[in-house]
Amino acid sequence: MRAIAACRTEALGGHMYACDACGAQRYTYHSCRNRHCPKCQTLAKERWLAARRAELLPVPYFHLVFTLPHGLNALAQGNPEVIYGLLFGSVSATLIEFGANPRWLGGQIAATLILHTWGQTLAQHLHLHCLVAAGALHADGHWIPARRGFLFPVQALSPVFRGKFLAGFARAFAAGCIKVEGSTGALADAATRRRFLDSLRDHAWVVYAKQPFGGPQQVLDYLGRYTHRVAISNNRLTSVDFDKVGFRYKDYAHGNRRKVLTLEAGEFIRRFLLHVLPRGFMRIRHYGLLANRAKRAKLAQARSALDQAPPAPHPSPPESVEAFWLRVAHRDIHRCPHCHAGRMVLVASLHSHRARAPPPKPPHA
């Protein structure tokens, strides 16, 4: 929260520029670069997409969504790394198992999984968006295309996903990897835990398959919307004061109607913080042909089987900020915004003004 509050303010320091033609001055302040900051993800997203372009295969792609029951929300708040890790593990194992089954494909799939923990109202809604190529690479090197408009049956995916997650969940409990306290403290009792697992097992878990993408550009458009999103962006805010925050949301239960929700400031902050990930936790992961261990060789095999030319090497070092804004927004950030003729030239560096914490008081005698 400190990083987001200080982002692009004098607290982080910055630079002063002056136009070499008209003398107009402009101050620019440093970004916090925190991955949960809604203002700091655009450049990271574009650089990530540039790397992914080289990995797209010339086939349609399917979009599947796997959702955890809301009964697991409280445990996820106290054990995010364990629950999120189990979600990735169970979903990836389910997709890989179905891809390897000759009834559906019979080879190695290419899949990218993206964790989202929020719904439109910032309430906890744990789910994975999965982007899966329409086919698989057979062990002998030929490509097995998926049937037109169909990848895997969601009715069959759901119980397998549920079974794999609950099996891993039980093992994590038995190994003492899951903390139970507060509202989840009753689960320390074995009988209560069995009833809780039975209640989860008794319901169908939601697996949703969307229509396949038609080509690489649609895939990239999708990735741009979902990969580097945070729980809420600034453009959804409608009002902010010391007591309340209002923001727009889609009401999916009533025909995707756009509505405005107003929350007490403390409740808004609480909901936002539900979606802060554990330090170092990777919310975008790749499996099958895209797994880092053998990605280069496997993708080369798949391209060969699909008669696709190798991609051109992406530029190194990464695209600069100046080049990025010129390409994406057609904006020269060094052109003077006042006279539109001169160039903004760096004239001074501004030191950060982070408030230092006061020294600790000595203990009372």
Protein backbone atom coordinates (compact mmCIF):
# COMPACT_ATOMS: atom_id res chain seq x y z
CA MET A 1 0.00 0.00 0.00
CA ARG A 2 2.90 2.35 0.70
CA ALA A 3 4.30 1.64 -2.77
CA ILE A 4 0.98 2.41 -4.50
CA ALA A 5 0.41 5.58 -2.46
CA ALA A 6 3.90 6.87 -3.29
CA CYS A 7 3.81 5.90 -7.00
CA ARG A 8 4.63 8.81 -9.33
CA THR A 9 4.88 11.32 -6.51
CA GLU A 10 7.81 13.29 -5.19
CA ALA A 11 8.19 10.65 -2.47
CA LEU A 12 10.00 8.41 -4.98
CA GLY A 13 12.03 11.16 -6.61
CA GLY A 14 12.22 11.82 -10.31
CA HIS A 15 13.51 14.26 -12.91
CA MET A 16 12.91 17.81 -14.09
CA TYR A 17 12.90 18.54 -17.81
CA ALA A 18 12.94 21.85 -19.67
CA CYS A 19 12.11 22.58 -23.31
CA ASP A 20 15.14 23.66 -25.33
CA ALA A 21 12.92 25.97 -27.37
CA CYS A 22 10.34 27.64 -25.11
CA GLY A 23 11.79 26.87 -21.66
CA ALA A 24 8.65 25.17 -20.32
CA GLN A 25 9.36 22.84 -17.42
CA ARG A 26 7.95 19.43 -16.60
CA TYR A 27 8.39 17.21 -13.56
CA THR A 28 8.21 13.44 -13.89
CA TYR A 29 8.27 11.17 -10.85
CA HIS A 30 9.37 7.57 -10.59
CA SER A 31 6.97 4.64 -10.62
CA CYS A 32 6.79 2.18 -7.75
CA ARG A 33 6.87 -0.84 -10.15
CA ASN A 34 4.86 -2.89 -7.70
CA ARG A 35 2.97 -5.59 -9.60
CA HIS A 36 -0.23 -4.77 -7.69
CA CYS A 37 -0.15 -1.11 -8.73
CA PRO A 38 -2.76 -0.27 -11.41
CA LYS A 39 -0.45 2.37 -12.90
CA CYS A 40 2.68 0.25 -13.32
CA GLN A 41 1.71 -2.72 -15.48
CA THR A 42 1.43 -1.36 -19.03
CA LEU A 43 5.09 -1.56 -20.01
CA ALA A 44 5.56 -4.92 -18.24
CA LYS A 45 2.52 -6.28 -20.09
CA GLU A 46 3.79 -5.11 -23.49
CA ARG A 47 7.23 -6.60 -22.95
CA TRP A 48 5.67 -9.89 -21.82
CA LEU A 49 3.41 -9.97 -24.88
CA ALA A 50 6.37 -9.33 -27.17
CA ALA A 51 8.04 -12.45 -25.78
CA ARG A 52 4.83 -14.50 -26.13
CA ARG A 53 4.33 -13.61 -29.80
CA ALA A 54 7.25 -15.86 -30.67
CA GLU A 55 5.57 -18.80 -28.92
CA LEU A 56 2.17 -18.74 -30.63
CA LEU A 57 1.40 -21.67 -32.91
CA PRO A 58 -0.68 -21.29 -36.11
CA VAL A 59 -3.74 -23.02 -34.63
CA PRO A 60 -6.90 -21.86 -32.83
CA TYR A 61 -6.71 -21.48 -29.05
CA PHE A 62 -9.26 -22.41 -26.42
CA HIS A 63 -10.06 -20.39 -23.29
CA LEU A 64 -11.08 -22.41 -20.22
CA VAL A 65 -11.82 -21.13 -16.72
CA PHE A 66 -11.49 -23.30 -13.59
CA THR A 67 -13.09 -21.88 -10.41
CA LEU A 68 -12.64 -22.88 -6.76
CA PRO A 69 -15.74 -23.07 -4.52
CA HIS A 70 -16.20 -20.01 -2.32
CA GLY A 71 -16.12 -22.31 0.72
CA LEU A 72 -12.31 -22.29 0.33
CA ASN A 73 -11.99 -18.49 0.45
CA ALA A 74 -11.30 -18.18 4.17
CA LEU A 75 -8.59 -20.86 4.04
CA ALA A 76 -7.02 -19.13 1.03
CA GLN A 77 -6.78 -15.88 2.99
CA GLY A 78 -4.66 -17.58 5.63
CA ASN A 79 -2.82 -19.95 3.27
CA PRO A 80 -2.64 -18.22 -0.13
CA GLU A 81 0.57 -19.85 -1.33
CA VAL A 82 -0.70 -23.37 -0.54
CA ILE A 83 -4.22 -22.93 -1.95
CA TYR A 84 -3.10 -21.09 -5.08
CA GLY A 85 -0.35 -23.64 -5.63
CA LEU A 86 -2.86 -26.50 -5.32
CA LEU A 87 -5.12 -24.73 -7.83
CA PHE A 88 -2.31 -24.48 -10.39
CA GLY A 89 -1.21 -28.06 -9.75
CA SER A 90 -4.67 -29.63 -10.03
CA VAL A 91 -5.71 -27.66 -13.12
CA SER A 92 -2.44 -28.24 -14.99
CA ALA A 93 -2.45 -31.96 -14.14
CA THR A 94 -6.06 -32.24 -15.34
CA LEU A 95 -5.35 -30.53 -18.67
CA ILE A 96 -2.14 -32.52 -19.26
CA GLU A 97 -3.95 -35.79 -18.44
CA PHE A 98 -6.79 -35.05 -20.86
CA GLY A 99 -4.34 -33.96 -23.56
CA ALA A 100 -2.35 -37.18 -23.24
CA ASN A 101 -5.51 -39.32 -23.45
CA PRO A 102 -5.88 -40.65 -27.05
CA ARG A 103 -9.65 -40.32 -26.72
CA TRP A 104 -9.26 -36.53 -26.81
CA LEU A 105 -5.81 -35.77 -28.30
CA GLY A 106 -3.03 -38.19 -27.36
CA GLY A 107 -0.04 -35.89 -27.05
CA GLN A 108 1.57 -32.99 -25.21
CA ILE A 109 -0.46 -29.79 -25.03
CA ALA A 110 0.66 -26.15 -24.91
CA ALA A 111 -1.05 -24.22 -22.09
CA THR A 112 -0.72 -20.90 -20.27
CA LEU A 113 -2.51 -20.51 -16.91
CA ILE A 114 -3.26 -17.12 -15.32
CA LEU A 115 -4.46 -16.70 -11.72
CA HIS A 116 -7.23 -14.23 -10.90
CA THR A 117 -8.50 -13.93 -7.33
CA TRP A 118 -11.21 -11.29 -7.74
CA GLY A 119 -14.69 -10.73 -9.05
CA GLN A 120 -16.18 -7.48 -10.37
CA THR A 121 -16.98 -6.19 -6.85
CA LEU A 122 -13.48 -7.05 -5.53
CA ALA A 123 -14.91 -9.96 -3.56
CA GLN A 124 -12.80 -13.12 -3.46
CA HIS A 125 -13.34 -15.28 -6.55
CA LEU A 126 -10.47 -17.73 -7.07
CA HIS A 127 -10.11 -18.95 -10.64
CA LEU A 128 -7.61 -19.76 -13.36
CA HIS A 129 -7.88 -18.53 -16.94
CA CYS A 130 -6.33 -21.17 -19.21
CA LEU A 131 -5.21 -20.61 -22.79
CA VAL A 132 -4.73 -23.97 -24.54
CA ALA A 133 -3.66 -24.59 -28.15
CA ALA A 134 -6.16 -26.62 -30.21
CA GLY A 135 -4.08 -29.75 -30.54
CA ALA A 136 -1.10 -31.62 -29.15
CA LEU A 137 2.34 -32.83 -30.19
CA HIS A 138 2.53 -36.63 -30.52
CA ALA A 139 5.55 -38.49 -29.19
CA ASP A 140 6.62 -39.31 -32.78
CA GLY A 141 6.68 -35.59 -33.68
CA HIS A 142 3.46 -35.12 -35.65
CA TRP A 143 0.75 -32.65 -34.66
CA ILE A 144 -2.67 -33.93 -33.54
CA PRO A 145 -5.32 -31.28 -34.28
CA ALA A 146 -8.31 -30.90 -31.98
CA ARG A 147 -11.76 -31.46 -33.36
CA ARG A 148 -13.31 -28.33 -34.79
CA GLY A 149 -14.79 -26.20 -32.00
CA PHE A 150 -14.04 -28.79 -29.32
CA LEU A 151 -11.13 -29.50 -27.01
CA PHE A 152 -12.20 -31.39 -23.85
CA PRO A 153 -15.68 -32.01 -22.36
CA VAL A 154 -16.16 -29.66 -19.41
CA GLN A 155 -18.50 -32.16 -17.73
CA ALA A 156 -15.58 -34.60 -17.56
CA LEU A 157 -12.99 -31.97 -16.61
CA SER A 158 -14.91 -30.83 -13.53
CA PRO A 159 -14.82 -34.06 -11.42
CA VAL A 160 -11.19 -34.77 -12.33
CA PHE A 161 -10.18 -31.23 -11.36
CA ARG A 162 -12.14 -31.53 -8.10
CA GLY A 163 -10.63 -34.92 -7.28
CA LYS A 164 -7.04 -33.79 -7.89
CA PHE A 165 -7.47 -30.62 -5.84
CA LEU A 166 -9.11 -32.35 -2.87
CA ALA A 167 -6.50 -35.12 -2.86
CA GLY A 168 -3.72 -32.52 -2.72
CA PHE A 169 -5.68 -30.54 -0.14
CA ALA A 170 -5.95 -33.60 2.15
CA ARG A 171 -2.22 -34.30 1.78
CA ALA A 172 -1.35 -30.69 2.63
CA PHE A 173 -3.52 -30.88 5.76
CA ALA A 174 -1.94 -34.17 6.81
CA ALA A 175 1.54 -32.71 6.35
CA GLY A 176 0.69 -29.66 8.48
CA CYS A 177 1.10 -27.23 5.57
CA ILE A 178 -2.27 -25.52 6.13
CA LYS A 179 -2.79 -23.19 9.06
CA VAL A 180 -6.26 -23.05 10.63
CA GLU A 181 -7.14 -20.18 12.93
CA GLY A 182 -9.87 -17.63 13.36
CA SER A 183 -12.91 -18.51 11.24
CA THR A 184 -11.20 -21.71 10.02
CA GLY A 185 -10.04 -22.90 13.44
CA ALA A 186 -12.76 -25.57 13.67
CA LEU A 187 -11.03 -27.48 10.86
CA ALA A 188 -8.32 -28.51 13.31
CA ASP A 189 -10.80 -31.19 14.41
CA ALA A 190 -10.53 -34.26 12.15
CA ALA A 191 -14.29 -34.96 12.11
CA THR A 192 -15.09 -31.36 11.17
CA ARG A 193 -12.47 -31.48 8.46
CA ARG A 194 -13.99 -34.67 6.99
CA ARG A 195 -17.42 -33.05 6.88
CA PHE A 196 -15.90 -29.99 5.21
CA LEU A 197 -14.21 -32.13 2.54
CA ASP A 198 -17.43 -34.06 1.99
CA SER A 199 -19.34 -30.82 1.46
CA LEU A 200 -16.80 -29.74 -1.17
CA ARG A 201 -16.95 -33.15 -2.82
CA ASP A 202 -20.76 -33.15 -3.00
CA HIS A 203 -20.95 -30.19 -5.40
CA ALA A 204 -19.91 -29.86 -9.02
CA TRP A 205 -16.97 -27.51 -9.45
CA VAL A 206 -17.26 -24.88 -12.14
CA VAL A 207 -15.28 -25.37 -15.34
CA TYR A 208 -16.20 -23.09 -18.19
CA ALA A 209 -15.06 -23.27 -21.82
CA LYS A 210 -15.41 -20.25 -24.08
CA GLN A 211 -15.48 -20.26 -27.85
CA PRO A 212 -12.02 -20.85 -29.38
CA PHE A 213 -10.01 -17.91 -30.64
CA GLY A 214 -9.74 -17.64 -34.39
CA GLY A 215 -6.08 -16.73 -34.69
CA PRO A 216 -2.93 -15.33 -33.07
CA GLN A 217 -4.12 -11.70 -32.97
CA GLN A 218 -7.22 -12.63 -30.97
CA VAL A 219 -5.01 -14.63 -28.61
CA LEU A 220 -2.77 -11.62 -28.04
CA ASP A 221 -5.79 -9.36 -27.48
CA TYR A 222 -6.98 -11.81 -24.83
CA LEU A 223 -3.57 -12.04 -23.17
CA GLY A 224 -3.33 -8.26 -23.03
CA ARG A 225 -6.62 -8.05 -21.15
CA TYR A 226 -5.95 -10.76 -18.57
CA THR A 227 -2.25 -11.21 -17.87
CA HIS A 228 -1.13 -8.11 -16.00
CA ARG A 229 -4.46 -6.94 -14.61
CA VAL A 230 -4.82 -5.98 -10.98
CA ALA A 231 -8.00 -6.24 -8.92
CA ILE A 232 -9.27 -2.83 -10.05
CA SER A 233 -8.01 -0.12 -12.40
CA ASN A 234 -8.20 3.62 -11.85
CA ASN A 235 -10.66 4.16 -14.69
CA ARG A 236 -13.35 2.18 -12.83
CA LEU A 237 -13.35 4.60 -9.89
CA THR A 238 -16.28 7.02 -9.87
CA SER A 239 -15.76 8.79 -6.53
CA VAL A 240 -13.15 8.89 -3.77
CA ASP A 241 -13.22 10.74 -0.46
CA PHE A 242 -12.05 10.12 3.08
CA ASP A 243 -15.04 7.94 3.92
CA LYS A 244 -16.22 6.16 0.78
CA VAL A 245 -15.06 4.83 -2.59
CA GLY A 246 -17.39 4.28 -5.55
CA PHE A 247 -16.56 2.18 -8.60
CA ARG A 248 -18.23 0.69 -11.65
CA TYR A 249 -18.81 -3.05 -12.06
CA LYS A 250 -20.66 -5.48 -14.29
CA ASP A 251 -23.53 -7.36 -12.70
CA TYR A 252 -23.21 -10.75 -14.43
CA ALA A 253 -26.31 -12.08 -12.64
CA HIS A 254 -28.49 -9.46 -14.35
CA GLY A 255 -27.39 -9.43 -17.97
CA ASN A 256 -23.97 -7.78 -17.49
CA ARG A 257 -25.63 -4.52 -16.48
CA ARG A 258 -23.18 -1.79 -15.49
CA LYS A 259 -23.71 -0.56 -11.95
CA VAL A 260 -21.90 1.53 -9.34
CA LEU A 261 -20.97 0.11 -5.94
CA THR A 262 -20.03 2.41 -3.06
CA LEU A 263 -18.02 0.98 -0.16
CA GLU A 264 -16.70 2.36 3.08
CA ALA A 265 -13.04 3.26 2.58
CA GLY A 266 -11.85 0.61 5.03
CA GLU A 267 -13.91 -2.09 3.32
CA PHE A 268 -12.61 -1.05 -0.10
CA ILE A 269 -9.01 -1.33 1.14
CA ARG A 270 -9.76 -4.68 2.79
CA ARG A 271 -11.14 -6.09 -0.45
CA PHE A 272 -8.24 -4.74 -2.48
CA LEU A 273 -5.70 -6.33 -0.13
CA LEU A 274 -7.37 -9.74 -0.48
CA HIS A 275 -5.73 -9.91 -3.90
CA VAL A 276 -2.14 -9.13 -2.94
CA LEU A 277 -0.11 -12.22 -3.83
CA PRO A 278 2.56 -13.81 -1.66
CA ARG A 279 6.02 -12.43 -2.33
CA GLY A 280 7.60 -14.14 -5.34
CA PHE A 281 4.45 -16.09 -6.25
CA MET A 282 4.14 -16.54 -10.04
CA ARG A 283 0.56 -15.87 -11.20
CA ILE A 284 1.29 -16.73 -14.86
CA ARG A 285 2.62 -20.24 -15.54
CA HIS A 286 3.26 -22.32 -18.65
CA TYR A 287 2.85 -26.07 -19.11
CA GLY A 288 3.40 -28.81 -21.65
CA LEU A 289 5.24 -27.56 -24.73
CA LEU A 290 5.60 -24.15 -23.07
CA ALA A 291 7.22 -25.41 -19.86
CA ASN A 292 10.64 -23.78 -19.53
CA ARG A 293 12.57 -27.05 -19.21
CA ALA A 294 12.28 -28.03 -22.89
CA LYS A 295 10.31 -25.17 -24.44
CA ARG A 296 12.74 -24.32 -27.22
CA ALA A 297 13.07 -27.87 -28.53
CA LYS A 298 9.38 -28.76 -28.14
CA LEU A 299 8.15 -25.60 -29.85
CA ALA A 300 10.59 -26.19 -32.70
CA GLN A 301 9.12 -29.70 -33.13
CA ALA A 302 5.57 -28.33 -33.11
CA ARG A 303 6.41 -25.61 -35.67
CA SER A 304 8.03 -28.19 -37.91
CA ALA A 305 4.95 -30.42 -37.69
CA LEU A 306 2.73 -27.43 -38.54
CA ASP A 307 5.01 -26.12 -41.33
CA GLN A 308 5.54 -22.85 -39.46
CA ALA A 309 8.72 -20.87 -40.04
CA PRO A 310 10.87 -20.16 -36.96
CA PRO A 311 10.07 -16.76 -35.40
CA ALA A 312 12.39 -13.81 -35.83
CA PRO A 313 14.48 -13.23 -32.69
CA HIS A 314 12.96 -10.54 -30.48
CA PRO A 315 15.17 -7.52 -29.88
CA SER A 316 17.57 -7.42 -26.99
CA PRO A 317 17.82 -5.33 -24.83
CA PRO A 318 14.08 -4.86 -24.19
CA GLU A 319 12.19 -2.06 -25.89
CA SER A 320 12.85 1.31 -24.26
CA VAL A 321 10.15 3.42 -22.64
CA GLU A 322 10.53 6.01 -25.41
CA ALA A 323 10.11 3.42 -28.17
CA PHE A 324 7.18 1.83 -26.34
CA TRP A 325 5.15 5.05 -26.14
CA LEU A 326 5.95 5.90 -29.74
CA ARG A 327 4.72 2.48 -30.91
CA VAL A 328 1.67 2.10 -28.65
CA ALA A 329 0.38 5.67 -28.32
CA HIS A 330 2.19 7.33 -31.28
CA ARG A 331 3.50 9.82 -28.76
CA ASP A 332 7.02 11.25 -28.63
CA ILE A 333 7.52 11.74 -24.90
CA HIS A 334 10.47 14.08 -25.52
CA ARG A 335 8.49 16.55 -27.64
CA CYS A 336 7.47 19.68 -25.71
CA PRO A 337 3.72 19.50 -24.87
CA HIS A 338 3.51 23.33 -24.85
CA CYS A 339 5.17 24.57 -28.03
CA HIS A 340 5.22 21.18 -29.84
CA ALA A 341 8.49 22.21 -31.47
CA GLY A 342 11.26 21.89 -28.90
CA ARG A 343 12.61 18.87 -27.08
CA MET A 344 12.39 18.25 -23.34
CA VAL A 345 15.92 18.06 -21.95
CA LEU A 346 16.88 16.70 -18.53
CA VAL A 347 18.05 19.54 -16.29
CA ALA A 348 17.88 18.08 -12.78
CA SER A 349 17.43 14.88 -10.82
CA LEU A 350 14.99 15.00 -7.90
CA HIS A 351 15.89 13.01 -4.81
CA SER A 352 13.22 10.89 -3.15
CA HIS A 353 11.49 12.26 -0.08
CA ARG A 354 10.46 9.06 1.62
CA ALA A 355 9.56 9.77 5.23
CA ARG A 356 11.96 7.97 7.49
CA ALA A 357 10.52 6.07 10.40
CA PRO A 358 11.32 7.70 13.76
CA PRO A 359 13.92 5.89 15.86
CA PRO A 360 12.46 3.45 18.38
CA LYS A 361 11.84 4.87 21.82
CA PRO A 362 13.96 3.42 24.62
CA PRO A 363 12.11 1.01 26.87
CA HIS A 364 10.80 2.41 30.13
CA ALA A 365 12.92 1.74 33.16
